[in-house]
C-alpha atoms as a PDB file:
ATOM      1  CA  MET A   1       0.228  -0.076   0.265  1.00  0.00           C
ATOM      2  CA  SER A   2       1.361   3.241  -0.934  1.00  0.00           C
ATOM      3  CA  ALA A   3       1.725   5.986   1.999  1.00  0.00           C
ATOM      4  CA  ARG A   4      -1.126   8.582   1.472  1.00  0.00           C
ATOM      5  CA  TRP A   5       0.196  10.527   4.271  1.00  0.00           C
ATOM      6  CA  PRO A   6       4.081  11.777   3.917  1.00  0.00           C
ATOM      7  CA  PRO A   7       5.987  11.370   7.160  1.00  0.00           C
ATOM      8  CA  VAL A   8       7.195  14.484   8.680  1.00  0.00           C
ATOM      9  CA  ASP A   9      10.569  13.577   9.887  1.00  0.00           C
ATOM     10  CA  GLU A  10      11.763  16.809   8.484  1.00  0.00           C
ATOM     11  CA  HIS A  11       9.993  18.777  11.564  1.00  0.00           C
ATOM     12  CA  LEU A  12      11.041  16.036  14.164  1.00  0.00           C
ATOM     13  CA  ALA A  13      14.692  16.608  15.841  1.00  0.00           C
ATOM     14  CA  SER A  14      14.804  12.631  15.775  1.00  0.00           C
ATOM     15  CA  GLU A  15      18.944  12.911  16.398  1.00  0.00           C
ATOM     16  CA  ALA A  16      18.417  14.991  19.718  1.00  0.00           C
ATOM     17  CA  PRO A  17      20.033  13.681  22.561  1.00  0.00           C
ATOM     18  CA  ARG A  18      17.986  11.469  24.855  1.00  0.00           C
ATOM     19  CA  GLY A  19      16.561  13.076  28.149  1.00  0.00           C
ATOM     20  CA  LYS A  20      13.639  13.843  30.096  1.00  0.00           C
ATOM     21  CA  SER A  21      10.808  13.148  27.498  1.00  0.00           C
ATOM     22  CA  VAL A  22       8.186  15.634  26.896  1.00  0.00           C
ATOM     23  CA  LEU A  23       4.358  15.053  27.275  1.00  0.00           C
ATOM     24  CA  TRP A  24       2.778  16.746  24.578  1.00  0.00           C
ATOM     25  CA  GLY A  25      -1.054  16.985  24.470  1.00  0.00           C
ATOM     26  CA  VAL A  26      -3.932  17.602  21.450  1.00  0.00           C
ATOM     27  CA  VAL A  27      -7.593  18.218  22.770  1.00  0.00           C
ATOM     28  CA  VAL A  28      -9.792  18.401  19.906  1.00  0.00           C
ATOM     29  CA  THR A  29     -13.426  20.155  20.464  1.00  0.00           C
ATOM     30  CA  TYR A  30     -16.302  21.429  18.199  1.00  0.00           C
ATOM     31  CA  ARG A  31     -18.879  23.384  20.374  1.00  0.00           C
ATOM     32  CA  ARG A  32     -18.975  22.220  23.606  1.00  0.00           C
ATOM     33  CA  PRO A  33     -16.961  24.763  25.915  1.00  0.00           C
ATOM     34  CA  ALA A  34     -18.811  23.292  28.762  1.00  0.00           C
ATOM     35  CA  ALA A  35     -17.245  19.922  28.123  1.00  0.00           C
ATOM     36  CA  LEU A  36     -13.629  21.465  27.091  1.00  0.00           C
ATOM     37  CA  ALA A  37     -13.773  23.389  30.623  1.00  0.00           C
ATOM     38  CA  GLU A  38     -14.346  20.003  32.421  1.00  0.00           C
ATOM     39  CA  THR A  39     -11.531  18.073  30.297  1.00  0.00           C
ATOM     40  CA  LEU A  40      -9.196  21.129  31.151  1.00  0.00           C
ATOM     41  CA  ALA A  41      -9.719  21.008  34.589  1.00  0.00           C
ATOM     42  CA  ALA A  42      -9.283  17.311  34.816  1.00  0.00           C
ATOM     43  CA  LEU A  43      -6.010  17.813  33.550  1.00  0.00           C
ATOM     44  CA  ALA A  44      -4.891  20.671  35.303  1.00  0.00           C
ATOM     45  CA  ARG A  45      -5.974  18.134  38.156  1.00  0.00           C
ATOM     46  CA  GLN A  46      -3.484  15.137  37.231  1.00  0.00           C
ATOM     47  CA  THR A  47      -0.534  14.076  39.673  1.00  0.00           C
ATOM     48  CA  ARG A  48       1.474  14.179  35.588  1.00  0.00           C
ATOM     49  CA  LEU A  49       0.430  17.332  33.644  1.00  0.00           C
ATOM     50  CA  VAL A  50       0.951  17.347  30.111  1.00  0.00           C
ATOM     51  CA  ASP A  51       3.628  19.462  29.240  1.00  0.00           C
ATOM     52  CA  ARG A  52       2.481  21.381  26.306  1.00  0.00           C
ATOM     53  CA  LEU A  53      -1.235  20.966  25.549  1.00  0.00           C
ATOM     54  CA  LEU A  54      -2.680  22.286  21.745  1.00  0.00           C
ATOM     55  CA  VAL A  55      -6.685  22.851  21.562  1.00  0.00           C
ATOM     56  CA  ILE A  56      -7.894  22.016  18.040  1.00  0.00           C
ATOM     57  CA  ASP A  57     -11.026  24.056  17.724  1.00  0.00           C
ATOM     58  CA  ASN A  58     -13.212  22.953  14.431  1.00  0.00           C
ATOM     59  CA  ALA A  59     -15.788  25.786  15.291  1.00  0.00           C
ATOM     60  CA  GLY A  60     -13.505  28.351  15.522  1.00  0.00           C
ATOM     61  CA  ASP A  61     -15.380  29.638  18.746  1.00  0.00           C
ATOM     62  CA  SER A  62     -14.275  32.688  20.924  1.00  0.00           C
ATOM     63  CA  GLU A  63     -15.310  31.118  24.295  1.00  0.00           C
ATOM     64  CA  THR A  64     -13.056  27.904  23.542  1.00  0.00           C
ATOM     65  CA  ALA A  65     -10.138  30.248  22.564  1.00  0.00           C
ATOM     66  CA  ARG A  66     -10.469  31.771  26.182  1.00  0.00           C
ATOM     67  CA  LEU A  67     -10.777  28.621  27.962  1.00  0.00           C
ATOM     68  CA  ALA A  68      -7.553  27.191  26.285  1.00  0.00           C
ATOM     69  CA  SER A  69      -5.777  30.732  26.734  1.00  0.00           C
ATOM     70  CA  ASP A  70      -6.643  30.393  30.624  1.00  0.00           C
ATOM     71  CA  ALA A  71      -5.252  26.702  31.165  1.00  0.00           C
ATOM     72  CA  GLY A  72      -2.253  27.838  29.729  1.00  0.00           C
ATOM     73  CA  ALA A  73      -2.796  26.029  26.310  1.00  0.00           C
ATOM     74  CA  THR A  74      -2.377  26.975  22.818  1.00  0.00           C
ATOM     75  CA  TYR A  75      -5.485  27.411  20.537  1.00  0.00           C
ATOM     76  CA  VAL A  76      -5.753  26.663  17.327  1.00  0.00           C
ATOM     77  CA  ASP A  77      -8.874  27.762  14.725  1.00  0.00           C
ATOM     78  CA  ALA A  78      -8.986  24.515  12.281  1.00  0.00           C
ATOM     79  CA  GLY A  79     -10.939  26.931  10.266  1.00  0.00           C
ATOM     80  CA  THR A  80     -13.596  24.534   9.059  1.00  0.00           C
ATOM     81  CA  ASN A  81     -15.086  21.575  10.732  1.00  0.00           C
ATOM     82  CA  LEU A  82     -12.570  18.928  10.048  1.00  0.00           C
ATOM     83  CA  GLY A  83     -13.679  16.231  12.045  1.00  0.00           C
ATOM     84  CA  PRO A  84     -11.655  14.476  15.001  1.00  0.00           C
ATOM     85  CA  ALA A  85      -9.601  13.041  11.974  1.00  0.00           C
ATOM     86  CA  GLY A  86      -9.045  15.714  10.633  1.00  0.00           C
ATOM     87  CA  ALA A  87      -8.534  18.016  13.682  1.00  0.00           C
ATOM     88  CA  ILE A  88      -6.007  15.224  15.386  1.00  0.00           C
ATOM     89  CA  ASP A  89      -4.150  15.225  11.741  1.00  0.00           C
ATOM     90  CA  LEU A  90      -3.752  18.788  12.091  1.00  0.00           C
ATOM     91  CA  GLY A  91      -2.469  18.861  16.014  1.00  0.00           C
ATOM     92  CA  MET A  92      -0.059  15.799  15.210  1.00  0.00           C
ATOM     93  CA  ARG A  93       1.633  17.556  12.266  1.00  0.00           C
ATOM     94  CA  LEU A  94       2.103  21.103  14.592  1.00  0.00           C
ATOM     95  CA  VAL A  95       3.349  18.915  17.674  1.00  0.00           C
ATOM     96  CA  LEU A  96       6.036  17.245  15.161  1.00  0.00           C
ATOM     97  CA  ARG A  97       7.239  20.747  14.358  1.00  0.00           C
ATOM     98  CA  GLU A  98       9.165  20.668  17.788  1.00  0.00           C
ATOM     99  CA  ALA A  99       8.830  17.224  19.473  1.00  0.00           C
ATOM    100  CA  ARG A 100      11.740  15.135  19.579  1.00  0.00           C
ATOM    101  CA  ALA A 101      11.573  11.209  18.736  1.00  0.00           C
ATOM    102  CA  GLU A 102      11.602  10.073  22.732  1.00  0.00           C
ATOM    103  CA  ASP A 103       8.856  12.486  23.278  1.00  0.00           C
ATOM    104  CA  TRP A 104       5.096  10.768  23.998  1.00  0.00           C
ATOM    105  CA  LEU A 105       1.430  12.957  22.660  1.00  0.00           C
ATOM    106  CA  LEU A 106      -1.610  12.245  24.392  1.00  0.00           C
ATOM    107  CA  LEU A 107      -4.927  12.761  22.289  1.00  0.00           C
ATOM    108  CA  LEU A 108      -8.264  13.622  23.883  1.00  0.00           C
ATOM    109  CA  ASP A 109     -11.768  14.671  23.074  1.00  0.00           C
ATOM    110  CA  ASP A 110     -13.011  17.527  24.517  1.00  0.00           C
ATOM    111  CA  ASP A 111     -15.850  15.251  26.622  1.00  0.00           C
ATOM    112  CA  ASP A 112     -13.446  12.297  27.951  1.00  0.00           C
ATOM    113  CA  PRO A 113     -11.336  13.708  30.835  1.00  0.00           C
ATOM    114  CA  PRO A 114      -9.335  11.407  32.483  1.00  0.00           C
ATOM    115  CA  THR A 115     -11.261   9.825  35.322  1.00  0.00           C
ATOM    116  CA  SER A 116      -8.320   9.452  37.961  1.00  0.00           C
ATOM    117  CA  GLU A 117      -5.720  12.143  39.112  1.00  0.00           C
ATOM    118  CA  GLY A 118      -3.276   9.431  38.649  1.00  0.00           C
ATOM    119  CA  ALA A 119      -4.332   8.448  34.621  1.00  0.00           C
ATOM    120  CA  VAL A 120      -2.004  10.107  32.630  1.00  0.00           C
ATOM    121  CA  ARG A 121       1.032   9.911  35.105  1.00  0.00           C
ATOM    122  CA  GLN A 122       0.392   5.827  35.464  1.00  0.00           C
ATOM    123  CA  LEU A 123      -0.057   5.364  31.818  1.00  0.00           C
ATOM    124  CA  HIS A 124       3.205   7.695  30.444  1.00  0.00           C
ATOM    125  CA  GLU A 125       5.170   5.365  33.304  1.00  0.00           C
ATOM    126  CA  PHE A 126       4.049   1.979  31.722  1.00  0.00           C
ATOM    127  CA  GLY A 127       4.510   3.781  28.045  1.00  0.00           C
ATOM    128  CA  GLU A 128       8.297   4.538  28.961  1.00  0.00           C
ATOM    129  CA  ARG A 129       8.515   1.037  30.645  1.00  0.00           C
ATOM    130  CA  MET A 130       7.320  -0.690  27.573  1.00  0.00           C
ATOM    131  CA  ALA A 131       9.439   1.788  25.509  1.00  0.00           C
ATOM    132  CA  ALA A 132      12.523   0.569  26.978  1.00  0.00           C
ATOM    133  CA  LEU A 133      11.604  -2.723  26.930  1.00  0.00           C
ATOM    134  CA  ASP A 134      10.670  -3.044  23.221  1.00  0.00           C
ATOM    135  CA  ALA A 135      12.214  -0.431  20.937  1.00  0.00           C
ATOM    136  CA  GLY A 136       9.104  -1.033  18.344  1.00  0.00           C
ATOM    137  CA  THR A 137       6.138   0.656  20.943  1.00  0.00           C
ATOM    138  CA  ALA A 138       4.516   3.207  19.438  1.00  0.00           C
ATOM    139  CA  GLY A 139       1.891   3.546  21.762  1.00  0.00           C
ATOM    140  CA  VAL A 140       0.116   2.933  24.850  1.00  0.00           C
ATOM    141  CA  GLY A 141      -3.632   3.451  25.979  1.00  0.00           C
ATOM    142  CA  LEU A 142      -6.254   2.599  28.613  1.00  0.00           C
ATOM    143  CA  THR A 143      -7.981   0.176  26.823  1.00  0.00           C
ATOM    144  CA  GLY A 144      -7.906  -1.174  22.975  1.00  0.00           C
ATOM    145  CA  ALA A 145      -8.978  -4.164  20.558  1.00  0.00           C
ATOM    146  CA  ARG A 146      -7.563  -6.547  17.874  1.00  0.00           C
ATOM    147  CA  TYR A 147      -8.810  -6.442  14.009  1.00  0.00           C
ATOM    148  CA  ASN A 148      -9.892 -10.033  12.338  1.00  0.00           C
ATOM    149  CA  PRO A 149      -8.794  -8.987   8.804  1.00  0.00           C
ATOM    150  CA  CYS A 150     -10.587 -11.982   7.361  1.00  0.00           C
ATOM    151  CA  ARG A 151     -13.656 -10.663   8.801  1.00  0.00           C
ATOM    152  CA  GLY A 152     -13.357  -7.074   8.879  1.00  0.00           C
ATOM    153  CA  VAL A 153     -14.070  -6.154  12.502  1.00  0.00           C
ATOM    154  CA  VAL A 154     -12.919  -5.246  15.632  1.00  0.00           C
ATOM    155  CA  GLU A 155     -12.786  -8.304  18.391  1.00  0.00           C
ATOM    156  CA  ARG A 156     -12.382  -8.065  22.070  1.00  0.00           C
ATOM    157  CA  VAL A 157      -9.364  -9.237  23.675  1.00  0.00           C
ATOM    158  CA  PRO A 158     -10.323 -12.179  26.069  1.00  0.00           C
ATOM    159  CA  ASP A 159     -10.382 -11.664  29.584  1.00  0.00           C
ATOM    160  CA  ALA A 160      -7.282 -14.863  29.916  1.00  0.00           C
ATOM    161  CA  GLU A 161      -5.045 -12.170  28.384  1.00  0.00           C
ATOM    162  CA  LEU A 162      -5.481  -9.268  30.531  1.00  0.00           C
ATOM    163  CA  SER A 163      -1.985  -9.590  32.485  1.00  0.00           C
ATOM    164  CA  GLY A 164       1.262  -7.858  31.778  1.00  0.00           C
ATOM    165  CA  PRO A 165       1.540  -5.933  28.510  1.00  0.00           C
ATOM    166  CA  VAL A 166      -1.244  -6.738  26.349  1.00  0.00           C
ATOM    167  CA  PRO A 167      -0.540  -5.861  22.180  1.00  0.00           C
ATOM    168  CA  VAL A 168      -3.377  -4.486  20.521  1.00  0.00           C
ATOM    169  CA  ASP A 169      -4.062  -3.455  17.059  1.00  0.00           C
ATOM    170  CA  HIS A 170      -6.167  -0.098  18.281  1.00  0.00           C
ATOM    171  CA  ILE A 171      -6.224   1.600  21.018  1.00  0.00           C
ATOM    172  CA  GLY A 172      -9.884   3.405  21.288  1.00  0.00           C
ATOM    173  CA  GLY A 173     -10.606   6.962  21.246  1.00  0.00           C
ATOM    174  CA  GLY A 174     -11.308   8.680  24.578  1.00  0.00           C
ATOM    175  CA  GLN A 175      -9.350   5.624  26.146  1.00  0.00           C
ATOM    176  CA  LEU A 176      -6.173   8.219  26.651  1.00  0.00           C
ATOM    177  CA  PRO A 177      -4.095   6.875  23.605  1.00  0.00           C
ATOM    178  CA  MET A 178      -0.802   7.960  23.755  1.00  0.00           C
ATOM    179  CA  TYR A 179       1.735   7.448  20.971  1.00  0.00           C
ATOM    180  CA  ARG A 180       5.608   7.902  20.672  1.00  0.00           C
ATOM    181  CA  CYS A 181       6.584  10.685  18.535  1.00  0.00           C
ATOM    182  CA  GLY A 182       9.313   8.784  16.743  1.00  0.00           C
ATOM    183  CA  PRO A 183       6.998   6.277  15.099  1.00  0.00           C
ATOM    184  CA  VAL A 184       4.406   9.041  14.516  1.00  0.00           C
ATOM    185  CA  SER A 185       6.883  10.860  12.381  1.00  0.00           C
ATOM    186  CA  ARG A 186       7.778   7.901  10.395  1.00  0.00           C
ATOM    187  CA  VAL A 187       4.567   6.403  10.108  1.00  0.00           C
ATOM    188  CA  GLY A 188       2.637  10.232   9.348  1.00  0.00           C
ATOM    189  CA  THR A 189      -0.315  11.279  11.007  1.00  0.00           C
ATOM    190  CA  PHE A 190      -4.041  10.276  11.481  1.00  0.00           C
ATOM    191  CA  ASP A 191      -6.017  10.205   7.655  1.00  0.00           C
ATOM    192  CA  PRO A 192      -7.862  13.120   7.633  1.00  0.00           C
ATOM    193  CA  GLY A 193      -9.776  11.680   4.898  1.00  0.00           C
ATOM    194  CA  LEU A 194     -11.973   9.829   7.411  1.00  0.00           C
ATOM    195  CA  PHE A 195     -13.281  12.524   9.197  1.00  0.00           C
ATOM    196  CA  PHE A 196     -15.352  10.926  11.923  1.00  0.00           C
ATOM    197  CA  GLY A 197     -15.298   7.105  13.163  1.00  0.00           C
ATOM    198  CA  PHE A 198     -12.417   4.524  13.389  1.00  0.00           C
ATOM    199  CA  GLU A 199      -9.805   6.694  12.576  1.00  0.00           C
ATOM    200  CA  GLU A 200      -7.891   5.400  15.547  1.00  0.00           C
ATOM    201  CA  LEU A 201      -8.465   1.607  14.144  1.00  0.00           C
ATOM    202  CA  GLU A 202      -7.146   2.929  10.978  1.00  0.00           C
ATOM    203  CA  TYR A 203      -4.237   4.588  12.236  1.00  0.00           C
ATOM    204  CA  GLY A 204      -2.993   1.391  14.824  1.00  0.00           C
ATOM    205  CA  LEU A 205      -3.173  -0.655  11.791  1.00  0.00           C
ATOM    206  CA  ARG A 206      -0.992   1.315   9.680  1.00  0.00           C
ATOM    207  CA  LEU A 207       1.081   1.541  12.876  1.00  0.00           C
ATOM    208  CA  HIS A 208       1.121  -2.487  12.837  1.00  0.00           C
ATOM    209  CA  ARG A 209       1.548  -2.755   9.259  1.00  0.00           C
ATOM    210  CA  ALA A 210       4.924  -0.307   9.662  1.00  0.00           C
ATOM    211  CA  GLY A 211       6.236  -3.146  12.604  1.00  0.00           C
ATOM    212  CA  TYR A 212       5.232  -0.984  15.529  1.00  0.00           C
ATOM    213  CA  HIS A 213       3.775  -2.295  18.585  1.00  0.00           C
ATOM    214  CA  LEU A 214       0.665  -1.021  20.690  1.00  0.00           C
ATOM    215  CA  TYR A 215       0.360  -1.915  24.376  1.00  0.00           C
ATOM    216  CA  ILE A 216      -2.537  -1.992  27.171  1.00  0.00           C
ATOM    217  CA  ASP A 217      -1.531  -2.906  31.029  1.00  0.00           C
ATOM    218  CA  GLY A 218      -3.373  -5.781  31.303  1.00  0.00           C
ATOM    219  CA  ALA A 219      -3.815  -5.562  35.175  1.00  0.00           C
ATOM    220  CA  ALA A 220      -4.922  -1.975  35.193  1.00  0.00           C
ATOM    221  CA  TRP A 221      -7.187  -3.001  32.389  1.00  0.00           C
ATOM    222  CA  ARG A 222      -8.755  -6.425  34.079  1.00  0.00           C
ATOM    223  CA  GLU A 223      -9.554  -4.267  37.122  1.00  0.00           C
ATOM    224  CA  ARG A 224     -11.429  -1.721  35.152  1.00  0.00           C
ATOM    225  CA  ARG A 225     -13.525  -4.462  33.357  1.00  0.00           C
ATOM    226  CA  GLN A 226     -14.360  -5.930  36.754  1.00  0.00           C
ATOM    227  CA  GLU A 227     -15.619  -2.411  38.136  1.00  0.00           C
ATOM    228  CA  ALA A 228     -17.666  -1.483  34.974  1.00  0.00           C
ATOM    229  CA  GLY A 229     -18.934  -5.580  35.810  1.00  0.00           C
ATOM    230  CA  ARG A 230     -17.613  -6.375  31.946  1.00  0.00           C
ATOM    231  CA  LEU A 231     -15.850  -9.703  32.820  1.00  0.00           C
ATOM    232  CA  GLY A 232     -16.732 -12.960  31.046  1.00  0.00           C
ATOM    233  CA  LEU A 233     -18.606 -11.278  28.183  1.00  0.00           C
ATOM    234  CA  HIS A 234     -18.191 -12.910  24.744  1.00  0.00           C
ATOM    235  CA  PRO A 235     -15.221 -11.892  22.677  1.00  0.00           C
ATOM    236  CA  SER A 236     -17.828  -9.965  20.352  1.00  0.00           C
ATOM    237  CA  ALA A 237     -19.392  -7.938  22.995  1.00  0.00           C
ATOM    238  CA  LEU A 238     -17.534  -4.426  22.711  1.00  0.00           C
ATOM    239  CA  ARG A 239     -18.603  -1.171  23.705  1.00  0.00           C
ATOM    240  CA  THR A 240     -20.770   0.041  20.822  1.00  0.00           C
ATOM    241  CA  SER A 241     -22.149   3.731  20.397  1.00  0.00           C
ATOM    242  CA  SER A 242     -25.993   3.697  20.724  1.00  0.00           C
ATOM    243  CA  ASP A 243     -25.669   7.066  19.467  1.00  0.00           C
ATOM    244  CA  THR A 244     -28.323   7.203  16.110  1.00  0.00           C
ATOM    245  CA  ALA A 245     -27.047  10.381  14.384  1.00  0.00           C
ATOM    246  CA  ALA A 246     -27.493   9.497  11.090  1.00  0.00           C
ATOM    247  CA  TRP A 247     -24.718  11.388   9.876  1.00  0.00           C
ATOM    248  CA  ARG A 248     -22.472   9.178  12.439  1.00  0.00           C
ATOM    249  CA  ARG A 249     -24.258   6.203  10.883  1.00  0.00           C
ATOM    250  CA  PHE A 250     -23.032   7.257   7.476  1.00  0.00           C
ATOM    251  CA  TYR A 251     -19.173   7.961   8.353  1.00  0.00           C
ATOM    252  CA  SER A 252     -19.085   4.438  10.391  1.00  0.00           C
ATOM    253  CA  ALA A 253     -20.384   2.516   7.172  1.00  0.00           C
ATOM    254  CA  ARG A 254     -18.317   3.992   4.889  1.00  0.00           C
ATOM    255  CA  ASN A 255     -14.727   4.102   7.152  1.00  0.00           C
ATOM    256  CA  ILE A 256     -15.246   0.567   8.058  1.00  0.00           C
ATOM    257  CA  VAL A 257     -15.178  -0.326   4.542  1.00  0.00           C
ATOM    258  CA  LEU A 258     -12.424   1.603   3.580  1.00  0.00           C
ATOM    259  CA  ILE A 259     -10.121  -0.072   6.515  1.00  0.00           C
ATOM    260  CA  ALA A 260     -11.389  -3.652   5.089  1.00  0.00           C
ATOM    261  CA  ARG A 261     -10.236  -2.223   1.702  1.00  0.00           C
ATOM    262  CA  ARG A 262      -6.875  -1.515   2.972  1.00  0.00           C
ATOM    263  CA  TYR A 263      -6.569  -4.247   5.318  1.00  0.00           C
ATOM    264  CA  GLY A 264      -8.454  -6.894   4.810  1.00  0.00           C
ATOM    265  CA  THR A 265      -7.243 -10.234   3.618  1.00  0.00           C
ATOM    266  CA  ARG A 266      -9.814 -11.476   1.711  1.00  0.00           C
ATOM    267  CA  ARG A 267     -11.004 -10.123  -1.392  1.00  0.00           C
ATOM    268  CA  LEU A 268     -14.813 -10.545  -0.134  1.00  0.00           C
ATOM    269  CA  THR A 269     -14.037  -8.505   3.066  1.00  0.00           C
ATOM    270  CA  ALA A 270     -15.131  -4.865   2.267  1.00  0.00           C
ATOM    271  CA  PRO A 271     -18.311  -6.233   0.284  1.00  0.00           C
ATOM    272  CA  ARG A 272     -19.652  -8.128   3.454  1.00  0.00           C
ATOM    273  CA  VAL A 273     -18.619  -5.465   5.643  1.00  0.00           C
ATOM    274  CA  ALA A 274     -20.281  -2.893   3.578  1.00  0.00           C
ATOM    275  CA  THR A 275     -23.639  -4.912   3.572  1.00  0.00           C
ATOM    276  CA  LEU A 276     -23.583  -5.480   7.330  1.00  0.00           C
ATOM    277  CA  GLY A 277     -22.798  -2.105   8.246  1.00  0.00           C
ATOM    278  CA  ALA A 278     -25.274  -0.879   6.030  1.00  0.00           C
ATOM    279  CA  LEU A 279     -28.285  -3.089   7.870  1.00  0.00           C
ATOM    280  CA  ARG A 280     -27.141  -2.335  11.045  1.00  0.00           C
ATOM    281  CA  GLY A 281     -27.046   1.339  10.380  1.00  0.00           C
ATOM    282  CA  MET A 282     -30.621   1.387   8.780  1.00  0.00           C
ATOM    283  CA  LEU A 283     -31.909  -0.738  11.554  1.00  0.00           C
ATOM    284  CA  ALA A 284     -30.967   1.767  14.271  1.00  0.00           C
ATOM    285  CA  LEU A 285     -32.266   4.824  12.330  1.00  0.00           C
ATOM    286  CA  ALA A 286     -35.532   2.839  11.371  1.00  0.00           C
ATOM    287  CA  ALA A 287     -36.162   2.115  15.242  1.00  0.00           C
ATOM    288  CA  ALA A 288     -35.282   5.492  15.873  1.00  0.00           C
ATOM    289  CA  ARG A 289     -38.214   6.491  13.676  1.00  0.00           C
ATOM    290  CA  ARG A 290     -35.718   8.750  11.475  1.00  0.00           C
ATOM    291  CA  PRO A 291     -37.204   9.480   7.929  1.00  0.00           C
ATOM    292  CA  PRO A 292     -36.253   7.752   5.233  1.00  0.00           C
ATOM    293  CA  SER A 293     -33.630   9.834   3.603  1.00  0.00           C
ATOM    294  CA  GLU A 294     -32.015   9.397   6.919  1.00  0.00           C
ATOM    295  CA  VAL A 295     -32.088   5.593   6.911  1.00  0.00           C
ATOM    296  CA  LEU A 296     -30.847   5.212   3.825  1.00  0.00           C
ATOM    297  CA  LEU A 297     -27.439   7.320   4.426  1.00  0.00           C
ATOM    298  CA  PRO A 298     -25.604   3.892   6.280  1.00  0.00           C
ATOM    299  CA  ALA A 299     -26.109   2.180   2.755  1.00  0.00           C
ATOM    300  CA  LYS A 300     -24.791   5.270   1.216  1.00  0.00           C
ATOM    301  CA  GLY A 301     -21.865   5.400   3.131  1.00  0.00           C
ATOM    302  CA  ALA A 302     -21.196   1.650   2.732  1.00  0.00           C
ATOM    303  CA  VAL A 303     -21.552   2.351  -0.895  1.00  0.00           C
ATOM    304  CA  ALA A 304     -18.975   5.063  -0.367  1.00  0.00           C
ATOM    305  CA  GLY A 305     -16.377   2.968   1.038  1.00  0.00           C
ATOM    306  CA  LEU A 306     -16.609   0.658  -1.861  1.00  0.00           C
ATOM    307  CA  LEU A 307     -15.841   3.274  -4.203  1.00  0.00           C
ATOM    308  CA  GLN A 308     -13.269   4.662  -2.006  1.00  0.00           C
ATOM    309  CA  HIS A 309     -14.671   8.287  -1.249  1.00  0.00           C
ATOM    310  CA  SER A 310     -13.272   9.996   1.428  1.00  0.00           C
ATOM    311  CA  GLY A 311     -13.363  13.581   3.144  1.00  0.00           C
ATOM    312  CA  ARG A 312     -16.615  15.299   4.538  1.00  0.00           C
ATOM    313  CA  THR A 313     -19.296  14.566   2.596  1.00  0.00           C
ATOM    314  CA  VAL A 314     -22.407  14.585   4.759  1.00  0.00           C
ATOM    315  CA  ASP A 315     -22.952  17.659   6.858  1.00  0.00           C
ATOM    316  CA  PRO A 316     -23.072  16.502  10.391  1.00  0.00           C
ATOM    317  CA  GLY A 317     -25.301  19.733  11.262  1.00  0.00           C
ATOM    318  CA  GLU A 318     -27.924  18.994   8.622  1.00  0.00           C
ATOM    319  CA  ALA A 319     -27.276  15.194   7.917  1.00  0.00           C
ATOM    320  CA  LYS A 320     -27.432  15.995   3.787  1.00  0.00           C
ATOM    321  CA  LYS A 321     -25.056  15.353   0.978  1.00  0.00           C
ATOM    322  CA  THR A 322     -22.775  17.912   0.155  1.00  0.00           C
ATOM    323  CA  ALA A 323     -20.521  16.620  -2.333  1.00  0.00           C
END
């Protein structure tokens, strides 16, 4: 597969002397100042603070700019709604202009603050340990999953494997994904063409294809499952969004097919994923009594994926096709 996202090594001081790693942070936000304020406050309470924080605003909101300034963060107006994928891509590229290979980059959504004051410190320390043990470590996080390339689906890691470092194919959004800047510089940043949905999965698979590894602290992961009452579940029992926003269903159906085309191992994987994704999305929207024009959006997304269309083609505000 040819690289679509050119590496950005020219912006990275990869030969800088090793020393204390810098922890960078990128928070993506879109018209949710109250949620952003809560996340910034949670970051300020961490026992290991983010050294340099960027707030990427997909809405260009003055209140968001004020909140970022008050928190000591660098505010970046994205200029338009790039979606989570595009905003993270932008933030990564800005960070890599100054970051060193041994630095770390923490990605956050505006509505997913760390749930404990020691979360960032524990994760950063785990990442440093894994980087010392495995030079191919590209990232760590709270939870993750594995991708079945024959079926084109994401599968749950069995409870029995949750001890020690657990290798995964991707780290989910909202699970404090923390990436090493060296591998990011060599593999490239998030694919902005995905706009919304499964951008973390595509990135994890790209890192894996390049020979890098992602890890979760198994003992801590098992403890979180136990606290949430999620031990002993079927391998397919992943957390899935109950959101019935039609535009989200469109992008989810499209992007999982795009990923199946890029990383699936069988010729029929992408068509199978397209069919199942379209049906699931349409049934969810129909059950929510959405109008027919919206119920059809998941099917349109699946077709777009098969045709390898990308970018922002459905307006999240109105769920109307714009391109």
